[in-house]
C-alpha atoms as a PDB file:
ATOM      1  CA  UNK A   1     -25.052   5.428   4.605  1.00  0.00           C
ATOM      2  CA  UNK A   2     -27.627   8.155   5.125  1.00  0.00           C
ATOM      3  CA  UNK A   3     -30.391   7.839   7.691  1.00  0.00           C
ATOM      4  CA  UNK A   4     -32.853   6.768   4.979  1.00  0.00           C
ATOM      5  CA  UNK A   5     -30.368   4.695   2.966  1.00  0.00           C
ATOM      6  CA  UNK A   6     -32.429   1.581   3.659  1.00  0.00           C
ATOM      7  CA  UNK A   7     -35.179   3.074   1.475  1.00  0.00           C
ATOM      8  CA  UNK A   8     -32.881   2.979  -1.560  1.00  0.00           C
ATOM      9  CA  UNK A   9     -32.319  -0.629  -2.657  1.00  0.00           C
ATOM     10  CA  UNK A  10     -29.355   0.526  -4.793  1.00  0.00           C
ATOM     11  CA  UNK A  11     -27.422   2.163  -1.963  1.00  0.00           C
ATOM     12  CA  UNK A  12     -24.582   0.031  -0.716  1.00  0.00           C
ATOM     13  CA  UNK A  13     -22.226   0.322   2.151  1.00  0.00           C
ATOM     14  CA  UNK A  14     -18.560   0.264   1.228  1.00  0.00           C
ATOM     15  CA  UNK A  15     -15.644  -1.130   3.115  1.00  0.00           C
ATOM     16  CA  UNK A  16     -14.099   1.715   5.107  1.00  0.00           C
ATOM     17  CA  UNK A  17     -10.717   2.479   6.532  1.00  0.00           C
ATOM     18  CA  UNK A  18     -10.257   2.929  10.240  1.00  0.00           C
ATOM     19  CA  UNK A  19      -9.145   6.426  11.194  1.00  0.00           C
ATOM     20  CA  UNK A  20      -6.425   7.562  13.586  1.00  0.00           C
ATOM     21  CA  UNK A  21      -5.929  11.232  14.422  1.00  0.00           C
ATOM     22  CA  UNK A  22      -2.306  12.038  13.570  1.00  0.00           C
ATOM     23  CA  UNK A  23      -0.792  15.465  12.868  1.00  0.00           C
ATOM     24  CA  UNK A  24       2.573  14.033  11.812  1.00  0.00           C
ATOM     25  CA  UNK A  25       4.402  15.751  14.677  1.00  0.00           C
ATOM     26  CA  UNK A  26       3.188  19.242  13.744  1.00  0.00           C
ATOM     27  CA  UNK A  27       2.127  20.259  17.261  1.00  0.00           C
ATOM     28  CA  UNK A  28       5.279  18.768  18.821  1.00  0.00           C
ATOM     29  CA  UNK A  29       7.300  20.890  16.349  1.00  0.00           C
ATOM     30  CA  UNK A  30       5.700  23.985  17.905  1.00  0.00           C
ATOM     31  CA  UNK A  31       3.048  24.799  15.293  1.00  0.00           C
ATOM     32  CA  UNK A  32      -0.439  25.820  16.410  1.00  0.00           C
ATOM     33  CA  UNK A  33      -3.762  26.179  14.643  1.00  0.00           C
ATOM     34  CA  UNK A  34      -4.803  24.878  11.255  1.00  0.00           C
ATOM     35  CA  UNK A  35      -2.745  24.964   8.099  1.00  0.00           C
ATOM     36  CA  UNK A  36      -2.823  23.620   4.581  1.00  0.00           C
ATOM     37  CA  UNK A  37       0.107  21.365   5.356  1.00  0.00           C
ATOM     38  CA  UNK A  38      -1.280  17.942   4.399  1.00  0.00           C
ATOM     39  CA  UNK A  39       1.751  17.293   2.172  1.00  0.00           C
ATOM     40  CA  UNK A  40       4.215  17.843   5.033  1.00  0.00           C
ATOM     41  CA  UNK A  41       2.097  15.823   7.479  1.00  0.00           C
ATOM     42  CA  UNK A  42       1.535  12.925   5.070  1.00  0.00           C
ATOM     43  CA  UNK A  43       5.212  12.606   4.192  1.00  0.00           C
ATOM     44  CA  UNK A  44       6.304  12.895   7.845  1.00  0.00           C
ATOM     45  CA  UNK A  45       3.888  10.123   8.839  1.00  0.00           C
ATOM     46  CA  UNK A  46       4.471   7.772   5.880  1.00  0.00           C
ATOM     47  CA  UNK A  47       8.269   8.170   5.735  1.00  0.00           C
ATOM     48  CA  UNK A  48       8.585   8.244   9.546  1.00  0.00           C
ATOM     49  CA  UNK A  49      10.482  11.543   9.430  1.00  0.00           C
ATOM     50  CA  UNK A  50      10.365  14.516  11.829  1.00  0.00           C
ATOM     51  CA  UNK A  51       7.755  17.100  10.790  1.00  0.00           C
ATOM     52  CA  UNK A  52      10.330  19.946  10.917  1.00  0.00           C
ATOM     53  CA  UNK A  53      12.745  18.070   8.630  1.00  0.00           C
ATOM     54  CA  UNK A  54      10.064  17.548   5.968  1.00  0.00           C
ATOM     55  CA  UNK A  55       8.815  21.131   6.394  1.00  0.00           C
ATOM     56  CA  UNK A  56      12.304  22.560   5.917  1.00  0.00           C
ATOM     57  CA  UNK A  57      13.154  20.213   3.014  1.00  0.00           C
ATOM     58  CA  UNK A  58       9.981  21.281   1.174  1.00  0.00           C
ATOM     59  CA  UNK A  59      10.571  24.968   1.958  1.00  0.00           C
ATOM     60  CA  UNK A  60      14.020  24.685   0.372  1.00  0.00           C
ATOM     61  CA  UNK A  61      12.603  22.708  -2.577  1.00  0.00           C
ATOM     62  CA  UNK A  62       9.980  25.463  -3.095  1.00  0.00           C
ATOM     63  CA  UNK A  63      12.720  28.119  -2.986  1.00  0.00           C
ATOM     64  CA  UNK A  64      14.849  26.202  -5.500  1.00  0.00           C
ATOM     65  CA  UNK A  65      11.874  25.702  -7.812  1.00  0.00           C
ATOM     66  CA  UNK A  66      11.087  29.441  -7.716  1.00  0.00           C
ATOM     67  CA  UNK A  67      14.710  30.309  -8.559  1.00  0.00           C
ATOM     68  CA  UNK A  68      15.283  27.739 -11.307  1.00  0.00           C
ATOM     69  CA  UNK A  69      11.960  27.522 -13.148  1.00  0.00           C
ATOM     70  CA  UNK A  70      10.185  30.172 -15.169  1.00  0.00           C
ATOM     71  CA  UNK A  71       6.522  29.146 -15.019  1.00  0.00           C
ATOM     72  CA  UNK A  72       3.354  30.286 -13.223  1.00  0.00           C
ATOM     73  CA  UNK A  73       4.123  28.150 -10.180  1.00  0.00           C
ATOM     74  CA  UNK A  74       7.617  29.638  -9.849  1.00  0.00           C
ATOM     75  CA  UNK A  75       6.187  33.153 -10.065  1.00  0.00           C
ATOM     76  CA  UNK A  76       3.503  32.332  -7.466  1.00  0.00           C
ATOM     77  CA  UNK A  77       6.113  30.856  -5.102  1.00  0.00           C
ATOM     78  CA  UNK A  78       8.250  33.989  -5.531  1.00  0.00           C
ATOM     79  CA  UNK A  79       5.292  36.209  -4.628  1.00  0.00           C
ATOM     80  CA  UNK A  80       3.647  34.247  -1.799  1.00  0.00           C
ATOM     81  CA  UNK A  81       6.851  32.795  -0.376  1.00  0.00           C
ATOM     82  CA  UNK A  82       8.281  29.306  -0.184  1.00  0.00           C
ATOM     83  CA  UNK A  83       6.564  28.215   3.038  1.00  0.00           C
ATOM     84  CA  UNK A  84       4.958  24.754   2.744  1.00  0.00           C
ATOM     85  CA  UNK A  85       2.383  25.844   5.357  1.00  0.00           C
ATOM     86  CA  UNK A  86      -0.210  26.871   2.780  1.00  0.00           C
ATOM     87  CA  UNK A  87      -0.034  23.965   0.387  1.00  0.00           C
ATOM     88  CA  UNK A  88       2.541  22.395  -1.880  1.00  0.00           C
ATOM     89  CA  UNK A  89       2.511  21.738  -5.581  1.00  0.00           C
ATOM     90  CA  UNK A  90       3.007  18.289  -7.102  1.00  0.00           C
ATOM     91  CA  UNK A  91       5.826  19.696  -9.260  1.00  0.00           C
ATOM     92  CA  UNK A  92       7.765  20.203  -6.023  1.00  0.00           C
ATOM     93  CA  UNK A  93       6.703  17.372  -3.702  1.00  0.00           C
ATOM     94  CA  UNK A  94       6.553  14.485  -6.215  1.00  0.00           C
ATOM     95  CA  UNK A  95      10.325  13.979  -6.545  1.00  0.00           C
ATOM     96  CA  UNK A  96      10.779  14.480  -2.798  1.00  0.00           C
ATOM     97  CA  UNK A  97       8.339  11.653  -2.010  1.00  0.00           C
ATOM     98  CA  UNK A  98      10.020   9.366  -4.575  1.00  0.00           C
ATOM     99  CA  UNK A  99      13.383  10.108  -2.924  1.00  0.00           C
ATOM    100  CA  UNK A 100      11.943   8.815   0.377  1.00  0.00           C
ATOM    101  CA  UNK A 101      11.584   5.329  -1.127  1.00  0.00           C
ATOM    102  CA  UNK A 102       8.070   5.512  -2.561  1.00  0.00           C
ATOM    103  CA  UNK A 103       6.828   4.813  -6.057  1.00  0.00           C
ATOM    104  CA  UNK A 104       3.892   6.560  -7.779  1.00  0.00           C
ATOM    105  CA  UNK A 105       0.918   4.494  -8.963  1.00  0.00           C
ATOM    106  CA  UNK A 106      -1.635   6.496 -10.997  1.00  0.00           C
ATOM    107  CA  UNK A 107      -5.228   5.285 -10.681  1.00  0.00           C
ATOM    108  CA  UNK A 108      -7.059   7.685 -12.964  1.00  0.00           C
ATOM    109  CA  UNK A 109      -7.023   8.112 -16.713  1.00  0.00           C
ATOM    110  CA  UNK A 110      -8.245  11.247 -18.465  1.00  0.00           C
ATOM    111  CA  UNK A 111     -11.908  10.868 -19.371  1.00  0.00           C
ATOM    112  CA  UNK A 112     -12.279   7.487 -17.653  1.00  0.00           C
ATOM    113  CA  UNK A 113     -13.980   8.703 -14.484  1.00  0.00           C
ATOM    114  CA  UNK A 114     -13.184   7.487 -11.013  1.00  0.00           C
ATOM    115  CA  UNK A 115     -11.876   3.910 -10.919  1.00  0.00           C
ATOM    116  CA  UNK A 116     -10.409   3.747  -7.385  1.00  0.00           C
ATOM    117  CA  UNK A 117     -11.934   5.065  -4.154  1.00  0.00           C
ATOM    118  CA  UNK A 118     -10.449   5.655  -0.715  1.00  0.00           C
ATOM    119  CA  UNK A 119     -11.421   2.234   0.648  1.00  0.00           C
ATOM    120  CA  UNK A 120      -9.452  -0.826   1.700  1.00  0.00           C
ATOM    121  CA  UNK A 121     -10.877  -3.191  -0.927  1.00  0.00           C
ATOM    122  CA  UNK A 122      -9.638  -0.906  -3.729  1.00  0.00           C
ATOM    123  CA  UNK A 123      -6.117  -0.033  -2.504  1.00  0.00           C
ATOM    124  CA  UNK A 124      -3.181  -2.263  -1.560  1.00  0.00           C
ATOM    125  CA  UNK A 125      -2.010  -2.816   1.998  1.00  0.00           C
ATOM    126  CA  UNK A 126       1.228  -1.272   3.232  1.00  0.00           C
ATOM    127  CA  UNK A 127       2.302   2.365   3.616  1.00  0.00           C
ATOM    128  CA  UNK A 128       0.531   4.689   1.153  1.00  0.00           C
ATOM    129  CA  UNK A 129       0.228   8.402   0.545  1.00  0.00           C
ATOM    130  CA  UNK A 130      -3.041   8.772  -1.362  1.00  0.00           C
ATOM    131  CA  UNK A 131      -3.683  11.746  -3.662  1.00  0.00           C
ATOM    132  CA  UNK A 132      -7.326  12.815  -3.549  1.00  0.00           C
ATOM    133  CA  UNK A 133      -8.856  16.121  -4.656  1.00  0.00           C
ATOM    134  CA  UNK A 134      -6.835  18.960  -3.085  1.00  0.00           C
ATOM    135  CA  UNK A 135      -5.430  16.691  -0.369  1.00  0.00           C
ATOM    136  CA  UNK A 136      -2.855  14.032   0.469  1.00  0.00           C
ATOM    137  CA  UNK A 137      -3.533  11.484   3.208  1.00  0.00           C
ATOM    138  CA  UNK A 138      -1.499   8.625   4.655  1.00  0.00           C
ATOM    139  CA  UNK A 139      -2.757   5.066   5.017  1.00  0.00           C
ATOM    140  CA  UNK A 140      -0.720   2.582   7.023  1.00  0.00           C
ATOM    141  CA  UNK A 141      -1.861  -1.048   7.022  1.00  0.00           C
ATOM    142  CA  UNK A 142      -5.529  -0.198   6.595  1.00  0.00           C
ATOM    143  CA  UNK A 143      -5.682   2.857   8.886  1.00  0.00           C
ATOM    144  CA  UNK A 144      -5.937   6.472   7.670  1.00  0.00           C
ATOM    145  CA  UNK A 145      -3.540   8.718   9.614  1.00  0.00           C
ATOM    146  CA  UNK A 146      -4.623  12.357   9.247  1.00  0.00           C
ATOM    147  CA  UNK A 147      -6.126  15.330  11.119  1.00  0.00           C
ATOM    148  CA  UNK A 148      -9.585  14.399   9.767  1.00  0.00           C
ATOM    149  CA  UNK A 149     -11.166  11.476   7.937  1.00  0.00           C
ATOM    150  CA  UNK A 150     -10.999  12.438   4.232  1.00  0.00           C
ATOM    151  CA  UNK A 151     -12.648   9.252   2.925  1.00  0.00           C
ATOM    152  CA  UNK A 152     -16.194  10.629   2.481  1.00  0.00           C
ATOM    153  CA  UNK A 153     -17.554   7.251   3.668  1.00  0.00           C
ATOM    154  CA  UNK A 154     -15.425   5.418   1.100  1.00  0.00           C
ATOM    155  CA  UNK A 155     -16.709   7.521  -1.813  1.00  0.00           C
ATOM    156  CA  UNK A 156     -13.656   9.786  -2.268  1.00  0.00           C
ATOM    157  CA  UNK A 157     -11.897   9.275  -5.571  1.00  0.00           C
ATOM    158  CA  UNK A 158      -8.170   8.468  -5.483  1.00  0.00           C
ATOM    159  CA  UNK A 159      -6.163  10.008  -8.333  1.00  0.00           C
ATOM    160  CA  UNK A 160      -3.132   7.914  -7.499  1.00  0.00           C
ATOM    161  CA  UNK A 161      -0.967   6.909  -4.594  1.00  0.00           C
ATOM    162  CA  UNK A 162       2.628   6.639  -3.509  1.00  0.00           C
ATOM    163  CA  UNK A 163       3.488   3.246  -2.043  1.00  0.00           C
ATOM    164  CA  UNK A 164       6.529   2.586   0.130  1.00  0.00           C
ATOM    165  CA  UNK A 165       8.811   0.112  -1.620  1.00  0.00           C
ATOM    166  CA  UNK A 166       9.492  -2.957   0.479  1.00  0.00           C
ATOM    167  CA  UNK A 167      13.065  -3.362   1.676  1.00  0.00           C
ATOM    168  CA  UNK A 168      14.590  -6.826   1.579  1.00  0.00           C
ATOM    169  CA  UNK A 169      16.572  -8.246   4.489  1.00  0.00           C
ATOM    170  CA  UNK A 170      19.845  -7.010   3.027  1.00  0.00           C
ATOM    171  CA  UNK A 171      18.835  -3.355   2.711  1.00  0.00           C
ATOM    172  CA  UNK A 172      18.135  -3.318  -1.039  1.00  0.00           C
ATOM    173  CA  UNK A 173      14.870  -2.238  -2.603  1.00  0.00           C
END
């Protein structure tokens, strides 16, 4: 709420996630400085995988995509390289996240406007990777794990999220 929010009777405070600074093991893997690696970090955190493993898996997936496909993304990957350091495209990371035991839940329909925001009363509990504008962030049991708080005070629109499927006691999905 802004400093003068009390002057606006229509302004309301939203439920907000707690925030925990978490780079997904990036620094421990030997990387320094900033990078557009939210996809790698989010997957490493949510799937409980080493940062370097996710980084390398996505680098190889980018390479494969560039070799096999013949679209603008493939051409861009061929030119700029397959490194996941400077962002990853949904065409590449979507199947990888699903393979880690997550399922995709879309929350936005074309022309419908924002229906779900990055706040705990609008998203389920559990392990989530939320897709917001130009960013992925991980939420674990009501706490955002990221290098910054992307929630915009609970006003950030969620386009969809990946949710970790629960495992039963016998190892099945």
